[in-house]
């Protein structure tokens, strides 16, 4: 089934769906995935596992340069069994369920988000993911998009992902060709390796060169969400030259 056949534009605002252990297709959707992980996905998963960003990236991901016109994307690495199952799926369901990636969380919906320029309101379009094996659509439970998003705890995911979207979908130039490799390295570190980014900030002369209030420095030293938000502002500055960070 092609991607165009798999995704069907949601007509109206409601759909029937339920997923539970008694349904015959339970966990069949957790295999052979081409699942792009967002920075917030990685932060939640590595924190749940209690491991550093470096180890999470090395163990559970692959990096692809063909999934985006100019930025490297990180995908969840499937196991090498015959079904290519997710490394976190069990017979009882997802071992990381409370911190599963946003794409798993929103399923069977898919959300296309678009911003024309930085600071603009996000425009959303929703699709149903119609996989042949899925029996969930035959269940009686009726959802609206809003009730499903609330039930699945998607607000923090969308909030952080939309900030990253401003960067990955920006039409702004990355500058001279000679600078692009180092800028892509910076993008990768800030987006996917928060622990390394924190070491970069606090193990260098960064805060002697760039302004950040003391309370913000204290917050990003301990809080990954705050660090990620600061990182997105730094990427706008370092990649595109936007005045989101002040030079001392």
C-alpha atoms as a PDB file:
ATOM      1  CA  UNK A   1       0.000   0.000   0.000  1.00  0.00           C
ATOM      2  CA  UNK A   2       1.419   3.379  -1.009  1.00  0.00           C
ATOM      3  CA  UNK A   3       1.620   6.316   1.388  1.00  0.00           C
ATOM      4  CA  UNK A   4      -1.123   8.084  -0.575  1.00  0.00           C
ATOM      5  CA  UNK A   5      -3.405   5.070  -0.125  1.00  0.00           C
ATOM      6  CA  UNK A   6      -2.441   4.734   3.531  1.00  0.00           C
ATOM      7  CA  UNK A   7      -3.307   8.321   4.458  1.00  0.00           C
ATOM      8  CA  UNK A   8      -6.901   9.418   3.988  1.00  0.00           C
ATOM      9  CA  UNK A   9      -7.931  13.008   4.611  1.00  0.00           C
ATOM     10  CA  UNK A  10     -10.185  13.071   7.662  1.00  0.00           C
ATOM     11  CA  UNK A  11     -13.646  14.096   6.545  1.00  0.00           C
ATOM     12  CA  UNK A  12     -15.299  16.149   9.244  1.00  0.00           C
ATOM     13  CA  UNK A  13     -13.982  16.055  12.783  1.00  0.00           C
ATOM     14  CA  UNK A  14     -14.939  12.596  14.088  1.00  0.00           C
ATOM     15  CA  UNK A  15     -13.832   8.990  13.690  1.00  0.00           C
ATOM     16  CA  UNK A  16     -14.459   5.605  15.302  1.00  0.00           C
ATOM     17  CA  UNK A  17     -11.467   3.868  16.848  1.00  0.00           C
ATOM     18  CA  UNK A  18     -10.267   1.814  19.786  1.00  0.00           C
ATOM     19  CA  UNK A  19      -7.104  -0.166  20.485  1.00  0.00           C
ATOM     20  CA  UNK A  20      -6.853  -2.728  23.301  1.00  0.00           C
ATOM     21  CA  UNK A  21      -5.217  -6.035  24.173  1.00  0.00           C
ATOM     22  CA  UNK A  22      -8.234  -8.073  23.068  1.00  0.00           C
ATOM     23  CA  UNK A  23      -8.262  -6.775  19.511  1.00  0.00           C
ATOM     24  CA  UNK A  24      -6.723  -9.214  17.011  1.00  0.00           C
ATOM     25  CA  UNK A  25      -4.349  -6.672  15.472  1.00  0.00           C
ATOM     26  CA  UNK A  26      -2.879  -5.545  18.827  1.00  0.00           C
ATOM     27  CA  UNK A  27       0.767  -4.377  18.339  1.00  0.00           C
ATOM     28  CA  UNK A  28       0.808  -5.281  14.615  1.00  0.00           C
ATOM     29  CA  UNK A  29       1.357  -1.606  13.882  1.00  0.00           C
ATOM     30  CA  UNK A  30       4.567  -1.709  15.966  1.00  0.00           C
ATOM     31  CA  UNK A  31       6.811  -3.210  13.276  1.00  0.00           C
ATOM     32  CA  UNK A  32       8.667  -2.285  10.080  1.00  0.00           C
ATOM     33  CA  UNK A  33       8.298   1.405  10.888  1.00  0.00           C
ATOM     34  CA  UNK A  34       9.999   4.345   9.198  1.00  0.00           C
ATOM     35  CA  UNK A  35       9.445   6.413  12.319  1.00  0.00           C
ATOM     36  CA  UNK A  36      11.111   9.828  12.365  1.00  0.00           C
ATOM     37  CA  UNK A  37      11.825  10.905  15.937  1.00  0.00           C
ATOM     38  CA  UNK A  38      11.531  14.539  16.939  1.00  0.00           C
ATOM     39  CA  UNK A  39      13.783  16.148  19.561  1.00  0.00           C
ATOM     40  CA  UNK A  40      10.964  15.971  22.109  1.00  0.00           C
ATOM     41  CA  UNK A  41      10.413  12.265  21.346  1.00  0.00           C
ATOM     42  CA  UNK A  42      14.075  11.529  22.013  1.00  0.00           C
ATOM     43  CA  UNK A  43      14.108  13.576  25.208  1.00  0.00           C
ATOM     44  CA  UNK A  44      11.089  11.727  26.617  1.00  0.00           C
ATOM     45  CA  UNK A  45      12.366   8.291  25.623  1.00  0.00           C
ATOM     46  CA  UNK A  46      15.947   8.657  26.855  1.00  0.00           C
ATOM     47  CA  UNK A  47      14.700  10.128  30.129  1.00  0.00           C
ATOM     48  CA  UNK A  48      12.269   7.233  30.582  1.00  0.00           C
ATOM     49  CA  UNK A  49      15.090   4.760  29.949  1.00  0.00           C
ATOM     50  CA  UNK A  50      17.413   6.643  32.288  1.00  0.00           C
ATOM     51  CA  UNK A  51      20.248   6.853  29.761  1.00  0.00           C
ATOM     52  CA  UNK A  52      22.249   9.639  28.161  1.00  0.00           C
ATOM     53  CA  UNK A  53      21.401  11.045  24.752  1.00  0.00           C
ATOM     54  CA  UNK A  54      24.592   9.597  23.232  1.00  0.00           C
ATOM     55  CA  UNK A  55      23.715   6.065  24.289  1.00  0.00           C
ATOM     56  CA  UNK A  56      20.121   6.386  23.160  1.00  0.00           C
ATOM     57  CA  UNK A  57      21.176   7.594  19.715  1.00  0.00           C
ATOM     58  CA  UNK A  58      23.787   4.854  19.360  1.00  0.00           C
ATOM     59  CA  UNK A  59      21.494   2.052  20.519  1.00  0.00           C
ATOM     60  CA  UNK A  60      18.048   2.896  19.243  1.00  0.00           C
ATOM     61  CA  UNK A  61      18.345   5.160  16.197  1.00  0.00           C
ATOM     62  CA  UNK A  62      19.642   5.507  12.670  1.00  0.00           C
ATOM     63  CA  UNK A  63      20.393   8.812  10.987  1.00  0.00           C
ATOM     64  CA  UNK A  64      19.117   9.475   7.488  1.00  0.00           C
ATOM     65  CA  UNK A  65      19.992  12.336   5.164  1.00  0.00           C
ATOM     66  CA  UNK A  66      17.324  11.499   2.583  1.00  0.00           C
ATOM     67  CA  UNK A  67      14.248  12.234   4.695  1.00  0.00           C
ATOM     68  CA  UNK A  68      14.529  16.031   4.572  1.00  0.00           C
ATOM     69  CA  UNK A  69      15.779  18.452   1.882  1.00  0.00           C
ATOM     70  CA  UNK A  70      18.669  19.723   4.019  1.00  0.00           C
ATOM     71  CA  UNK A  71      18.613  18.529   7.627  1.00  0.00           C
ATOM     72  CA  UNK A  72      19.525  15.060   8.977  1.00  0.00           C
ATOM     73  CA  UNK A  73      16.597  13.153  10.460  1.00  0.00           C
ATOM     74  CA  UNK A  74      16.797  10.485  13.165  1.00  0.00           C
ATOM     75  CA  UNK A  75      14.666   7.345  12.859  1.00  0.00           C
ATOM     76  CA  UNK A  76      13.841   4.702  15.440  1.00  0.00           C
ATOM     77  CA  UNK A  77      15.877   1.565  14.726  1.00  0.00           C
ATOM     78  CA  UNK A  78      13.789  -1.582  14.370  1.00  0.00           C
ATOM     79  CA  UNK A  79      15.055  -4.919  15.694  1.00  0.00           C
ATOM     80  CA  UNK A  80      16.592  -7.411  13.264  1.00  0.00           C
ATOM     81  CA  UNK A  81      13.932 -10.101  13.727  1.00  0.00           C
ATOM     82  CA  UNK A  82      11.810 -11.275  10.784  1.00  0.00           C
ATOM     83  CA  UNK A  83       9.008  -8.793  11.507  1.00  0.00           C
ATOM     84  CA  UNK A  84      11.378  -5.882  12.203  1.00  0.00           C
ATOM     85  CA  UNK A  85       9.520  -5.085  15.392  1.00  0.00           C
ATOM     86  CA  UNK A  86       9.939  -1.968  17.478  1.00  0.00           C
ATOM     87  CA  UNK A  87      12.567  -2.500  20.198  1.00  0.00           C
ATOM     88  CA  UNK A  88      10.079  -1.388  22.839  1.00  0.00           C
ATOM     89  CA  UNK A  89       7.025  -3.485  21.934  1.00  0.00           C
ATOM     90  CA  UNK A  90       6.032  -6.383  24.192  1.00  0.00           C
ATOM     91  CA  UNK A  91       3.125  -8.810  24.241  1.00  0.00           C
ATOM     92  CA  UNK A  92       1.477  -6.460  26.736  1.00  0.00           C
ATOM     93  CA  UNK A  93       1.994  -3.405  24.542  1.00  0.00           C
ATOM     94  CA  UNK A  94       4.542  -0.594  24.530  1.00  0.00           C
ATOM     95  CA  UNK A  95       7.136  -0.710  27.297  1.00  0.00           C
ATOM     96  CA  UNK A  96       7.489   3.085  27.030  1.00  0.00           C
ATOM     97  CA  UNK A  97       3.789   3.789  26.624  1.00  0.00           C
ATOM     98  CA  UNK A  98       3.657   6.932  28.794  1.00  0.00           C
ATOM     99  CA  UNK A  99       6.635   8.344  26.870  1.00  0.00           C
ATOM    100  CA  UNK A 100       6.063   6.839  23.421  1.00  0.00           C
ATOM    101  CA  UNK A 101       6.830   8.974  20.355  1.00  0.00           C
ATOM    102  CA  UNK A 102       4.295  11.492  19.152  1.00  0.00           C
ATOM    103  CA  UNK A 103       3.676   9.607  15.893  1.00  0.00           C
ATOM    104  CA  UNK A 104       2.698   6.503  17.889  1.00  0.00           C
ATOM    105  CA  UNK A 105       0.678   8.573  20.333  1.00  0.00           C
ATOM    106  CA  UNK A 106      -1.451  10.262  17.656  1.00  0.00           C
ATOM    107  CA  UNK A 107      -2.121   7.033  15.696  1.00  0.00           C
ATOM    108  CA  UNK A 108      -4.489   6.347  13.904  1.00  0.00           C
ATOM    109  CA  UNK A 109      -4.386  10.036  13.043  1.00  0.00           C
ATOM    110  CA  UNK A 110      -1.573  11.800  11.235  1.00  0.00           C
ATOM    111  CA  UNK A 111      -1.077  15.524  11.623  1.00  0.00           C
ATOM    112  CA  UNK A 112       0.372  17.744   8.929  1.00  0.00           C
ATOM    113  CA  UNK A 113       1.466  21.055  10.427  1.00  0.00           C
ATOM    114  CA  UNK A 114       2.622  24.035   8.404  1.00  0.00           C
ATOM    115  CA  UNK A 115       3.864  27.532   9.126  1.00  0.00           C
ATOM    116  CA  UNK A 116       4.481  30.016   6.328  1.00  0.00           C
ATOM    117  CA  UNK A 117       7.102  31.830   8.381  1.00  0.00           C
ATOM    118  CA  UNK A 118       8.495  31.946  11.907  1.00  0.00           C
ATOM    119  CA  UNK A 119       5.978  33.180  14.419  1.00  0.00           C
ATOM    120  CA  UNK A 120       2.966  32.435  12.230  1.00  0.00           C
ATOM    121  CA  UNK A 121       0.108  30.351  13.547  1.00  0.00           C
ATOM    122  CA  UNK A 122       0.398  26.638  12.811  1.00  0.00           C
ATOM    123  CA  UNK A 123      -2.080  25.352  10.241  1.00  0.00           C
ATOM    124  CA  UNK A 124      -3.161  21.774  10.873  1.00  0.00           C
ATOM    125  CA  UNK A 125      -4.554  19.092   8.573  1.00  0.00           C
ATOM    126  CA  UNK A 126      -5.506  15.639   9.868  1.00  0.00           C
ATOM    127  CA  UNK A 127      -5.488  12.297   8.102  1.00  0.00           C
ATOM    128  CA  UNK A 128      -6.576   8.780   9.047  1.00  0.00           C
ATOM    129  CA  UNK A 129      -3.848   6.142   8.800  1.00  0.00           C
ATOM    130  CA  UNK A 130      -5.714   3.240   7.184  1.00  0.00           C
ATOM    131  CA  UNK A 131      -3.507   0.162   7.519  1.00  0.00           C
ATOM    132  CA  UNK A 132      -4.977  -3.082   6.177  1.00  0.00           C
ATOM    133  CA  UNK A 133      -4.371  -5.031   9.372  1.00  0.00           C
ATOM    134  CA  UNK A 134      -5.995  -2.479  11.697  1.00  0.00           C
ATOM    135  CA  UNK A 135      -9.340  -3.515  13.182  1.00  0.00           C
ATOM    136  CA  UNK A 136      -9.519  -0.490  15.467  1.00  0.00           C
ATOM    137  CA  UNK A 137     -11.746   1.416  13.056  1.00  0.00           C
ATOM    138  CA  UNK A 138     -14.417  -1.277  13.493  1.00  0.00           C
ATOM    139  CA  UNK A 139     -14.777  -0.402  17.189  1.00  0.00           C
ATOM    140  CA  UNK A 140     -17.674   1.719  18.462  1.00  0.00           C
ATOM    141  CA  UNK A 141     -15.807   4.454  20.348  1.00  0.00           C
ATOM    142  CA  UNK A 142     -16.423   7.825  18.671  1.00  0.00           C
ATOM    143  CA  UNK A 143     -13.764  10.515  18.932  1.00  0.00           C
ATOM    144  CA  UNK A 144     -13.370  14.081  17.811  1.00  0.00           C
ATOM    145  CA  UNK A 145      -9.878  15.213  16.855  1.00  0.00           C
ATOM    146  CA  UNK A 146      -9.778  17.372  19.971  1.00  0.00           C
ATOM    147  CA  UNK A 147     -10.916  14.632  22.351  1.00  0.00           C
ATOM    148  CA  UNK A 148      -8.378  12.196  20.879  1.00  0.00           C
ATOM    149  CA  UNK A 149      -5.524  14.681  21.134  1.00  0.00           C
ATOM    150  CA  UNK A 150      -6.430  15.399  24.741  1.00  0.00           C
ATOM    151  CA  UNK A 151      -6.836  11.736  25.656  1.00  0.00           C
ATOM    152  CA  UNK A 152      -3.454  10.851  24.166  1.00  0.00           C
ATOM    153  CA  UNK A 153      -1.584  13.701  25.880  1.00  0.00           C
ATOM    154  CA  UNK A 154      -0.378  15.327  22.670  1.00  0.00           C
ATOM    155  CA  UNK A 155      -0.277  18.978  23.753  1.00  0.00           C
ATOM    156  CA  UNK A 156       3.365  19.060  24.959  1.00  0.00           C
ATOM    157  CA  UNK A 157       4.466  17.099  21.896  1.00  0.00           C
ATOM    158  CA  UNK A 158       2.783  19.485  19.472  1.00  0.00           C
ATOM    159  CA  UNK A 159       4.033  22.515  21.383  1.00  0.00           C
ATOM    160  CA  UNK A 160       7.680  21.463  21.164  1.00  0.00           C
ATOM    161  CA  UNK A 161       7.420  19.926  17.692  1.00  0.00           C
ATOM    162  CA  UNK A 162       5.924  23.100  16.254  1.00  0.00           C
ATOM    163  CA  UNK A 163       8.879  25.096  17.569  1.00  0.00           C
ATOM    164  CA  UNK A 164      11.236  22.676  15.800  1.00  0.00           C
ATOM    165  CA  UNK A 165       9.064  22.940  12.692  1.00  0.00           C
ATOM    166  CA  UNK A 166       9.929  26.647  12.494  1.00  0.00           C
ATOM    167  CA  UNK A 167      13.540  25.593  11.956  1.00  0.00           C
ATOM    168  CA  UNK A 168      13.205  22.548   9.732  1.00  0.00           C
ATOM    169  CA  UNK A 169      10.647  24.209   7.451  1.00  0.00           C
ATOM    170  CA  UNK A 170      12.309  27.605   7.305  1.00  0.00           C
ATOM    171  CA  UNK A 171      12.964  28.861   3.769  1.00  0.00           C
ATOM    172  CA  UNK A 172      15.911  30.931   5.022  1.00  0.00           C
ATOM    173  CA  UNK A 173      19.374  30.269   3.654  1.00  0.00           C
ATOM    174  CA  UNK A 174      21.997  28.452   5.702  1.00  0.00           C
ATOM    175  CA  UNK A 175      24.574  30.875   4.346  1.00  0.00           C
ATOM    176  CA  UNK A 176      27.811  30.163   2.487  1.00  0.00           C
ATOM    177  CA  UNK A 177      28.362  26.569   1.364  1.00  0.00           C
ATOM    178  CA  UNK A 178      31.584  26.326   3.387  1.00  0.00           C
ATOM    179  CA  UNK A 179      29.611  26.926   6.616  1.00  0.00           C
ATOM    180  CA  UNK A 180      26.895  24.341   6.013  1.00  0.00           C
ATOM    181  CA  UNK A 181      28.701  21.213   7.373  1.00  0.00           C
ATOM    182  CA  UNK A 182      29.387  22.855  10.739  1.00  0.00           C
ATOM    183  CA  UNK A 183      25.848  24.222  10.863  1.00  0.00           C
ATOM    184  CA  UNK A 184      24.409  20.760  10.231  1.00  0.00           C
ATOM    185  CA  UNK A 185      26.560  19.397  13.053  1.00  0.00           C
ATOM    186  CA  UNK A 186      25.156  22.087  15.324  1.00  0.00           C
ATOM    187  CA  UNK A 187      21.617  21.244  14.190  1.00  0.00           C
ATOM    188  CA  UNK A 188      22.169  17.560  14.979  1.00  0.00           C
ATOM    189  CA  UNK A 189      23.619  18.196  18.433  1.00  0.00           C
ATOM    190  CA  UNK A 190      20.961  20.680  19.537  1.00  0.00           C
ATOM    191  CA  UNK A 191      18.067  18.695  18.079  1.00  0.00           C
ATOM    192  CA  UNK A 192      18.997  15.169  19.127  1.00  0.00           C
ATOM    193  CA  UNK A 193      21.780  15.178  21.721  1.00  0.00           C
ATOM    194  CA  UNK A 194      20.626  17.417  24.544  1.00  0.00           C
ATOM    195  CA  UNK A 195      23.233  16.134  26.980  1.00  0.00           C
ATOM    196  CA  UNK A 196      26.037  17.071  24.582  1.00  0.00           C
ATOM    197  CA  UNK A 197      24.414  20.464  23.962  1.00  0.00           C
ATOM    198  CA  UNK A 198      24.322  21.112  27.693  1.00  0.00           C
ATOM    199  CA  UNK A 199      28.033  20.252  27.944  1.00  0.00           C
ATOM    200  CA  UNK A 200      28.674  22.599  25.020  1.00  0.00           C
ATOM    201  CA  UNK A 201      26.931  25.466  26.824  1.00  0.00           C
ATOM    202  CA  UNK A 202      28.382  25.002  30.293  1.00  0.00           C
ATOM    203  CA  UNK A 203      31.791  23.592  29.354  1.00  0.00           C
ATOM    204  CA  UNK A 204      32.743  26.489  27.107  1.00  0.00           C
ATOM    205  CA  UNK A 205      32.800  30.284  27.160  1.00  0.00           C
ATOM    206  CA  UNK A 206      29.294  30.399  25.681  1.00  0.00           C
ATOM    207  CA  UNK A 207      27.694  32.459  28.437  1.00  0.00           C
ATOM    208  CA  UNK A 208      30.630  34.847  28.418  1.00  0.00           C
ATOM    209  CA  UNK A 209      29.944  35.570  24.751  1.00  0.00           C
ATOM    210  CA  UNK A 210      26.146  35.368  24.658  1.00  0.00           C
ATOM    211  CA  UNK A 211      23.614  36.842  27.044  1.00  0.00           C
ATOM    212  CA  UNK A 212      21.252  34.676  29.089  1.00  0.00           C
ATOM    213  CA  UNK A 213      19.804  35.713  32.479  1.00  0.00           C
ATOM    214  CA  UNK A 214      21.141  33.835  35.501  1.00  0.00           C
ATOM    215  CA  UNK A 215      17.730  32.307  36.233  1.00  0.00           C
ATOM    216  CA  UNK A 216      17.515  30.978  32.666  1.00  0.00           C
ATOM    217  CA  UNK A 217      21.001  29.494  32.912  1.00  0.00           C
ATOM    218  CA  UNK A 218      20.028  27.774  36.164  1.00  0.00           C
ATOM    219  CA  UNK A 219      16.869  26.420  34.556  1.00  0.00           C
ATOM    220  CA  UNK A 220      18.463  25.026  31.404  1.00  0.00           C
ATOM    221  CA  UNK A 221      21.242  23.427  33.454  1.00  0.00           C
ATOM    222  CA  UNK A 222      18.637  21.116  35.050  1.00  0.00           C
ATOM    223  CA  UNK A 223      15.504  21.156  32.876  1.00  0.00           C
ATOM    224  CA  UNK A 224      15.625  19.396  29.492  1.00  0.00           C
ATOM    225  CA  UNK A 225      12.464  21.079  28.164  1.00  0.00           C
ATOM    226  CA  UNK A 226      13.856  24.529  28.970  1.00  0.00           C
ATOM    227  CA  UNK A 227      17.191  23.512  27.433  1.00  0.00           C
ATOM    228  CA  UNK A 228      15.434  22.354  24.268  1.00  0.00           C
ATOM    229  CA  UNK A 229      13.502  25.610  23.992  1.00  0.00           C
ATOM    230  CA  UNK A 230      16.723  27.589  24.388  1.00  0.00           C
ATOM    231  CA  UNK A 231      18.350  25.328  21.822  1.00  0.00           C
ATOM    232  CA  UNK A 232      15.697  26.117  19.243  1.00  0.00           C
ATOM    233  CA  UNK A 233      16.324  29.848  19.755  1.00  0.00           C
ATOM    234  CA  UNK A 234      20.063  29.210  19.397  1.00  0.00           C
ATOM    235  CA  UNK A 235      19.496  27.333  16.139  1.00  0.00           C
ATOM    236  CA  UNK A 236      17.526  30.240  14.697  1.00  0.00           C
ATOM    237  CA  UNK A 237      20.489  32.462  15.552  1.00  0.00           C
ATOM    238  CA  UNK A 238      23.329  30.138  14.539  1.00  0.00           C
ATOM    239  CA  UNK A 239      21.746  28.694  11.381  1.00  0.00           C
ATOM    240  CA  UNK A 240      19.886  31.685   9.987  1.00  0.00           C
ATOM    241  CA  UNK A 241      21.352  34.708  11.766  1.00  0.00           C
ATOM    242  CA  UNK A 242      18.075  35.708  13.400  1.00  0.00           C
ATOM    243  CA  UNK A 243      18.333  38.001  16.472  1.00  0.00           C
ATOM    244  CA  UNK A 244      17.006  35.418  18.923  1.00  0.00           C
ATOM    245  CA  UNK A 245      20.203  35.382  21.021  1.00  0.00           C
ATOM    246  CA  UNK A 246      21.999  38.505  22.216  1.00  0.00           C
ATOM    247  CA  UNK A 247      25.772  38.889  21.871  1.00  0.00           C
ATOM    248  CA  UNK A 248      27.451  40.516  24.859  1.00  0.00           C
END
